[in-house]
Amino acid sequence: MVGLSGLEKFSHLEDKIYRTIELTKTLRQENESLQKEVALMRHDMGSVLNEKERLESQVEKLLAEREMQVFELTGHGLSTRQIAERLHIDVKTVETYRARIKEKLNLNDSSELLQLAIRWQKEK
């Protein structure tokens, strides 16, 4: 600012103040936007937790005792044959139980059943 007249110094200072105010407005808007996103994420997380709790209670309510045993053993990573041996039943019977479980829990395939059983087992 050396060599500038008083008016030029004032104008230069005024520009800095204006840029600072604009930057502050921008930061405030970004902060508000981030706060909204965080609030949405918290809401979504709450929904996920509620869904998990609902699913856990449904699993126990919807499945018969033997189906529950098959579901739990599936969650431990046992194969159909291993489950059959553990429960002293036929492999076809285990497959029937798995089909019933998928139907009752509205699962599309065996991989969804396995994923849910593992997740359910971890949450217990």
N, C-alpha and C. Protein backbone atom coordinates (compact mmCIF):
# COMPACT_ATOMS: atom_id res chain seq x y z
N MET A 1 0.81 -1.18 0.00
CA MET A 1 0.00 0.00 0.00
C MET A 1 0.86 1.26 0.00
N VAL A 2 2.13 1.07 -0.09
CA VAL A 2 3.04 2.20 -0.13
C VAL A 2 2.82 2.96 -1.44
N GLY A 3 2.75 4.24 -1.37
CA GLY A 3 2.61 5.06 -2.55
C GLY A 3 1.17 5.26 -2.98
N LEU A 4 0.20 4.75 -2.21
CA LEU A 4 -1.19 4.93 -2.54
C LEU A 4 -1.76 6.12 -1.80
N SER A 5 -2.69 6.79 -2.42
CA SER A 5 -3.34 7.93 -1.76
C SER A 5 -4.32 7.40 -0.73
N GLY A 6 -4.81 8.26 0.10
CA GLY A 6 -5.76 7.88 1.14
C GLY A 6 -7.01 7.23 0.57
N LEU A 7 -7.52 7.75 -0.53
CA LEU A 7 -8.72 7.22 -1.16
C LEU A 7 -8.46 5.83 -1.72
N GLU A 8 -7.28 5.64 -2.31
CA GLU A 8 -6.92 4.33 -2.86
C GLU A 8 -6.77 3.30 -1.74
N LYS A 9 -6.15 3.72 -0.63
CA LYS A 9 -6.00 2.82 0.52
C LYS A 9 -7.37 2.42 1.05
N PHE A 10 -8.27 3.39 1.16
CA PHE A 10 -9.63 3.12 1.65
C PHE A 10 -10.36 2.17 0.71
N SER A 11 -10.22 2.40 -0.59
CA SER A 11 -10.87 1.55 -1.60
C SER A 11 -10.33 0.12 -1.51
N HIS A 12 -9.02 0.01 -1.35
CA HIS A 12 -8.38 -1.31 -1.23
C HIS A 12 -8.88 -2.02 0.03
N LEU A 13 -8.97 -1.31 1.13
CA LEU A 13 -9.46 -1.87 2.39
C LEU A 13 -10.94 -2.27 2.26
N GLU A 14 -11.69 -1.43 1.58
CA GLU A 14 -13.11 -1.72 1.36
C GLU A 14 -13.28 -3.01 0.57
N ASP A 15 -12.45 -3.22 -0.45
CA ASP A 15 -12.50 -4.46 -1.24
C ASP A 15 -12.21 -5.67 -0.37
N LYS A 16 -11.22 -5.57 0.51
CA LYS A 16 -10.88 -6.68 1.41
C LYS A 16 -12.05 -6.98 2.34
N ILE A 17 -12.68 -5.94 2.87
CA ILE A 17 -13.84 -6.14 3.76
C ILE A 17 -14.97 -6.82 3.00
N TYR A 18 -15.23 -6.36 1.78
CA TYR A 18 -16.30 -6.95 0.96
C TYR A 18 -16.02 -8.43 0.69
N ARG A 19 -14.77 -8.76 0.30
CA ARG A 19 -14.41 -10.16 0.03
C ARG A 19 -14.53 -11.02 1.30
N THR A 20 -14.16 -10.45 2.43
CA THR A 20 -14.29 -11.17 3.71
C THR A 20 -15.75 -11.45 4.03
N ILE A 21 -16.61 -10.47 3.81
CA ILE A 21 -18.05 -10.65 4.05
C ILE A 21 -18.61 -11.72 3.12
N GLU A 22 -18.25 -11.68 1.85
CA GLU A 22 -18.72 -12.68 0.89
C GLU A 22 -18.23 -14.08 1.25
N LEU A 23 -16.97 -14.17 1.66
CA LEU A 23 -16.42 -15.46 2.07
C LEU A 23 -17.16 -15.99 3.30
N THR A 24 -17.45 -15.10 4.24
CA THR A 24 -18.19 -15.50 5.44
C THR A 24 -19.58 -16.00 5.09
N LYS A 25 -20.25 -15.33 4.15
CA LYS A 25 -21.58 -15.78 3.70
C LYS A 25 -21.49 -17.16 3.07
N THR A 26 -20.49 -17.34 2.22
CA THR A 26 -20.31 -18.64 1.56
C THR A 26 -20.05 -19.75 2.58
N LEU A 27 -19.18 -19.47 3.54
CA LEU A 27 -18.88 -20.46 4.57
C LEU A 27 -20.12 -20.79 5.40
N ARG A 28 -20.92 -19.77 5.71
CA ARG A 28 -22.15 -19.99 6.47
C ARG A 28 -23.12 -20.88 5.69
N GLN A 29 -23.25 -20.62 4.37
CA GLN A 29 -24.13 -21.43 3.53
C GLN A 29 -23.63 -22.88 3.47
N GLU A 30 -22.32 -23.05 3.31
CA GLU A 30 -21.76 -24.40 3.28
C GLU A 30 -21.96 -25.11 4.61
N ASN A 31 -21.81 -24.39 5.70
CA ASN A 31 -22.02 -24.95 7.03
C ASN A 31 -23.47 -25.41 7.19
N GLU A 32 -24.42 -24.58 6.76
CA GLU A 32 -25.84 -24.94 6.85
C GLU A 32 -26.13 -26.17 6.00
N SER A 33 -25.53 -26.20 4.81
CA SER A 33 -25.72 -27.35 3.93
C SER A 33 -25.17 -28.63 4.57
N LEU A 34 -23.98 -28.53 5.15
CA LEU A 34 -23.39 -29.70 5.83
C LEU A 34 -24.23 -30.14 7.02
N GLN A 35 -24.77 -29.19 7.77
CA GLN A 35 -25.62 -29.53 8.91
C GLN A 35 -26.87 -30.27 8.44
N LYS A 36 -27.44 -29.85 7.31
CA LYS A 36 -28.62 -30.55 6.77
C LYS A 36 -28.25 -31.97 6.36
N GLU A 37 -27.09 -32.12 5.71
CA GLU A 37 -26.64 -33.45 5.30
C GLU A 37 -26.41 -34.35 6.51
N VAL A 38 -25.81 -33.82 7.54
CA VAL A 38 -25.57 -34.60 8.76
C VAL A 38 -26.90 -35.01 9.39
N ALA A 39 -27.86 -34.10 9.42
CA ALA A 39 -29.18 -34.42 9.97
C ALA A 39 -29.84 -35.52 9.16
N LEU A 40 -29.73 -35.46 7.83
CA LEU A 40 -30.29 -36.51 6.98
C LEU A 40 -29.59 -37.85 7.24
N MET A 41 -28.28 -37.81 7.39
CA MET A 41 -27.53 -39.04 7.65
C MET A 41 -27.94 -39.65 8.99
N ARG A 42 -28.13 -38.79 9.99
CA ARG A 42 -28.58 -39.29 11.30
C ARG A 42 -29.95 -39.92 11.18
N HIS A 43 -30.82 -39.29 10.43
CA HIS A 43 -32.18 -39.83 10.23
C HIS A 43 -32.10 -41.18 9.52
N ASP A 44 -31.28 -41.24 8.45
CA ASP A 44 -31.12 -42.49 7.72
C ASP A 44 -30.54 -43.58 8.61
N MET A 45 -29.56 -43.21 9.44
CA MET A 45 -28.95 -44.19 10.34
C MET A 45 -29.98 -44.70 11.34
N GLY A 46 -30.82 -43.80 11.83
CA GLY A 46 -31.89 -44.21 12.74
C GLY A 46 -32.85 -45.16 12.06
N SER A 47 -33.15 -44.89 10.79
CA SER A 47 -34.04 -45.77 10.03
C SER A 47 -33.42 -47.15 9.86
N VAL A 48 -32.13 -47.17 9.57
CA VAL A 48 -31.43 -48.45 9.40
C VAL A 48 -31.45 -49.24 10.71
N LEU A 49 -31.20 -48.56 11.81
CA LEU A 49 -31.21 -49.24 13.11
C LEU A 49 -32.61 -49.76 13.44
N ASN A 50 -33.63 -48.96 13.15
CA ASN A 50 -35.00 -49.41 13.38
C ASN A 50 -35.34 -50.61 12.51
N GLU A 51 -34.90 -50.59 11.26
CA GLU A 51 -35.14 -51.71 10.35
C GLU A 51 -34.44 -52.96 10.86
N LYS A 52 -33.20 -52.79 11.36
CA LYS A 52 -32.45 -53.93 11.90
C LYS A 52 -33.18 -54.54 13.09
N GLU A 53 -33.66 -53.69 13.99
CA GLU A 53 -34.39 -54.17 15.16
C GLU A 53 -35.68 -54.87 14.75
N ARG A 54 -36.38 -54.29 13.77
CA ARG A 54 -37.62 -54.88 13.29
C ARG A 54 -37.34 -56.25 12.67
N LEU A 55 -36.28 -56.34 11.88
CA LEU A 55 -35.92 -57.59 11.24
C LEU A 55 -35.55 -58.64 12.28
N GLU A 56 -34.77 -58.25 13.27
CA GLU A 56 -34.37 -59.21 14.31
C GLU A 56 -35.59 -59.76 15.03
N SER A 57 -36.54 -58.88 15.36
CA SER A 57 -37.73 -59.37 16.06
C SER A 57 -38.58 -60.21 15.12
N GLN A 58 -38.62 -59.87 13.85
CA GLN A 58 -39.40 -60.65 12.89
C GLN A 58 -38.82 -62.04 12.70
N VAL A 59 -37.50 -62.12 12.65
CA VAL A 59 -36.86 -63.42 12.45
C VAL A 59 -37.34 -64.38 13.52
N GLU A 60 -37.27 -63.96 14.76
CA GLU A 60 -37.65 -64.84 15.86
C GLU A 60 -39.15 -65.12 15.89
N LYS A 61 -39.97 -64.14 15.45
CA LYS A 61 -41.41 -64.33 15.45
C LYS A 61 -41.88 -65.18 14.28
N LEU A 62 -41.24 -65.01 13.12
CA LEU A 62 -41.71 -65.67 11.91
C LEU A 62 -41.25 -67.12 11.76
N LEU A 63 -40.10 -67.42 12.30
CA LEU A 63 -39.54 -68.75 12.07
C LEU A 63 -39.92 -69.72 13.18
N ALA A 64 -40.23 -70.93 12.74
CA ALA A 64 -40.49 -72.02 13.69
C ALA A 64 -39.16 -72.40 14.36
N GLU A 65 -39.25 -73.17 15.41
CA GLU A 65 -38.07 -73.53 16.18
C GLU A 65 -36.99 -74.19 15.32
N ARG A 66 -37.37 -75.16 14.51
CA ARG A 66 -36.40 -75.87 13.69
C ARG A 66 -35.83 -74.96 12.61
N GLU A 67 -36.68 -74.10 12.04
CA GLU A 67 -36.21 -73.14 11.05
C GLU A 67 -35.20 -72.19 11.69
N MET A 68 -35.47 -71.80 12.91
CA MET A 68 -34.57 -70.91 13.64
C MET A 68 -33.21 -71.59 13.85
N GLN A 69 -33.23 -72.86 14.16
CA GLN A 69 -31.97 -73.60 14.35
C GLN A 69 -31.17 -73.62 13.05
N VAL A 70 -31.87 -73.89 11.95
CA VAL A 70 -31.20 -73.90 10.64
C VAL A 70 -30.66 -72.51 10.31
N PHE A 71 -31.45 -71.50 10.59
CA PHE A 71 -31.04 -70.11 10.34
C PHE A 71 -29.78 -69.77 11.14
N GLU A 72 -29.77 -70.10 12.42
CA GLU A 72 -28.62 -69.81 13.28
C GLU A 72 -27.37 -70.55 12.81
N LEU A 73 -27.52 -71.83 12.46
CA LEU A 73 -26.37 -72.61 12.01
C LEU A 73 -25.86 -72.09 10.67
N THR A 74 -26.78 -71.62 9.83
CA THR A 74 -26.38 -70.99 8.57
C THR A 74 -25.55 -69.74 8.87
N GLY A 75 -25.98 -68.99 9.86
CA GLY A 75 -25.24 -67.79 10.27
C GLY A 75 -23.85 -68.09 10.80
N HIS A 76 -23.67 -69.29 11.31
CA HIS A 76 -22.34 -69.71 11.78
C HIS A 76 -21.47 -70.22 10.63
N GLY A 77 -22.05 -70.24 9.42
CA GLY A 77 -21.28 -70.64 8.24
C GLY A 77 -21.30 -72.12 7.93
N LEU A 78 -22.20 -72.87 8.55
CA LEU A 78 -22.27 -74.31 8.28
C LEU A 78 -22.96 -74.57 6.94
N SER A 79 -22.51 -75.59 6.25
CA SER A 79 -23.11 -75.98 4.98
C SER A 79 -24.40 -76.76 5.25
N THR A 80 -25.15 -76.99 4.20
CA THR A 80 -26.39 -77.76 4.32
C THR A 80 -26.12 -79.14 4.91
N ARG A 81 -25.08 -79.79 4.42
CA ARG A 81 -24.73 -81.13 4.92
C ARG A 81 -24.33 -81.08 6.40
N GLN A 82 -23.54 -80.08 6.77
CA GLN A 82 -23.12 -79.95 8.17
C GLN A 82 -24.31 -79.69 9.09
N ILE A 83 -25.24 -78.87 8.63
CA ILE A 83 -26.44 -78.60 9.42
C ILE A 83 -27.25 -79.88 9.58
N ALA A 84 -27.39 -80.63 8.50
CA ALA A 84 -28.14 -81.89 8.54
C ALA A 84 -27.51 -82.86 9.54
N GLU A 85 -26.20 -82.96 9.52
CA GLU A 85 -25.51 -83.85 10.45
C GLU A 85 -25.68 -83.38 11.89
N ARG A 86 -25.56 -82.07 12.11
CA ARG A 86 -25.67 -81.51 13.46
C ARG A 86 -27.06 -81.73 14.03
N LEU A 87 -28.10 -81.57 13.18
CA LEU A 87 -29.48 -81.70 13.66
C LEU A 87 -30.05 -83.11 13.50
N HIS A 88 -29.24 -84.00 12.93
CA HIS A 88 -29.65 -85.39 12.71
C HIS A 88 -30.92 -85.46 11.84
N ILE A 89 -30.87 -84.70 10.74
CA ILE A 89 -31.97 -84.73 9.77
C ILE A 89 -31.38 -84.86 8.37
N ASP A 90 -32.23 -85.11 7.40
CA ASP A 90 -31.80 -85.29 6.03
C ASP A 90 -31.42 -83.95 5.39
N VAL A 91 -30.51 -84.01 4.43
CA VAL A 91 -30.09 -82.80 3.71
C VAL A 91 -31.28 -82.14 3.03
N LYS A 92 -32.17 -82.94 2.45
CA LYS A 92 -33.37 -82.41 1.78
C LYS A 92 -34.25 -81.65 2.77
N THR A 93 -34.30 -82.11 3.99
CA THR A 93 -35.10 -81.43 5.02
C THR A 93 -34.51 -80.05 5.31
N VAL A 94 -33.19 -79.98 5.41
CA VAL A 94 -32.52 -78.69 5.62
C VAL A 94 -32.82 -77.77 4.44
N GLU A 95 -32.77 -78.28 3.23
CA GLU A 95 -33.08 -77.47 2.05
C GLU A 95 -34.53 -76.96 2.09
N THR A 96 -35.43 -77.79 2.58
CA THR A 96 -36.83 -77.38 2.73
C THR A 96 -36.95 -76.26 3.75
N TYR A 97 -36.26 -76.42 4.87
CA TYR A 97 -36.28 -75.36 5.89
C TYR A 97 -35.72 -74.06 5.33
N ARG A 98 -34.64 -74.15 4.60
CA ARG A 98 -34.05 -72.94 4.01
C ARG A 98 -35.02 -72.27 3.04
N ALA A 99 -35.72 -73.07 2.25
CA ALA A 99 -36.70 -72.52 1.31
C ALA A 99 -37.83 -71.80 2.07
N ARG A 100 -38.28 -72.41 3.16
CA ARG A 100 -39.32 -71.78 3.99
C ARG A 100 -38.83 -70.47 4.61
N ILE A 101 -37.58 -70.49 5.08
CA ILE A 101 -37.00 -69.29 5.69
C ILE A 101 -36.95 -68.16 4.66
N LYS A 102 -36.47 -68.48 3.46
CA LYS A 102 -36.39 -67.47 2.40
C LYS A 102 -37.78 -66.91 2.08
N GLU A 103 -38.75 -67.76 2.05
CA GLU A 103 -40.12 -67.33 1.76
C GLU A 103 -40.66 -66.44 2.88
N LYS A 104 -40.49 -66.87 4.11
CA LYS A 104 -41.02 -66.11 5.25
C LYS A 104 -40.34 -64.76 5.42
N LEU A 105 -39.04 -64.69 5.11
CA LEU A 105 -38.29 -63.44 5.29
C LEU A 105 -38.19 -62.64 3.99
N ASN A 106 -38.89 -63.14 2.97
CA ASN A 106 -38.94 -62.44 1.67
C ASN A 106 -37.54 -62.23 1.10
N LEU A 107 -36.76 -63.29 1.09
CA LEU A 107 -35.40 -63.24 0.55
C LEU A 107 -35.42 -63.84 -0.85
N ASN A 108 -34.59 -63.29 -1.73
CA ASN A 108 -34.60 -63.72 -3.13
C ASN A 108 -33.81 -64.99 -3.40
N ASP A 109 -32.72 -65.17 -2.69
CA ASP A 109 -31.88 -66.33 -2.97
C ASP A 109 -31.08 -66.74 -1.74
N SER A 110 -30.30 -67.80 -1.90
CA SER A 110 -29.52 -68.34 -0.79
C SER A 110 -28.43 -67.39 -0.31
N SER A 111 -27.90 -66.58 -1.22
CA SER A 111 -26.85 -65.65 -0.80
C SER A 111 -27.44 -64.59 0.14
N GLU A 112 -28.67 -64.12 -0.12
CA GLU A 112 -29.32 -63.17 0.78
C GLU A 112 -29.59 -63.83 2.13
N LEU A 113 -29.98 -65.09 2.10
CA LEU A 113 -30.21 -65.83 3.35
C LEU A 113 -28.92 -65.92 4.15
N LEU A 114 -27.84 -66.27 3.49
CA LEU A 114 -26.55 -66.40 4.17
C LEU A 114 -26.10 -65.06 4.75
N GLN A 115 -26.20 -63.99 3.97
CA GLN A 115 -25.80 -62.67 4.44
C GLN A 115 -26.61 -62.24 5.65
N LEU A 116 -27.92 -62.43 5.59
CA LEU A 116 -28.78 -62.05 6.70
C LEU A 116 -28.49 -62.89 7.94
N ALA A 117 -28.31 -64.17 7.74
CA ALA A 117 -28.04 -65.07 8.88
C ALA A 117 -26.72 -64.70 9.56
N ILE A 118 -25.72 -64.40 8.76
CA ILE A 118 -24.43 -64.01 9.33
C ILE A 118 -24.56 -62.69 10.08
N ARG A 119 -25.23 -61.71 9.46
CA ARG A 119 -25.42 -60.40 10.10
C ARG A 119 -26.24 -60.54 11.38
N TRP A 120 -27.26 -61.35 11.33
CA TRP A 120 -28.12 -61.57 12.50
C TRP A 120 -27.32 -62.22 13.62
N GLN A 121 -26.50 -63.17 13.25
CA GLN A 121 -25.68 -63.90 14.24
C GLN A 121 -24.67 -62.96 14.89
N LYS A 122 -24.08 -62.06 14.12
CA LYS A 122 -23.11 -61.11 14.66
C LYS A 122 -23.77 -60.13 15.63
N GLU A 123 -25.02 -59.78 15.35
CA GLU A 123 -25.73 -58.79 16.17
C GLU A 123 -26.24 -59.38 17.47
N LYS A 124 -26.31 -60.68 17.54
CA LYS A 124 -26.83 -61.33 18.77
C LYS A 124 -25.94 -61.10 19.94
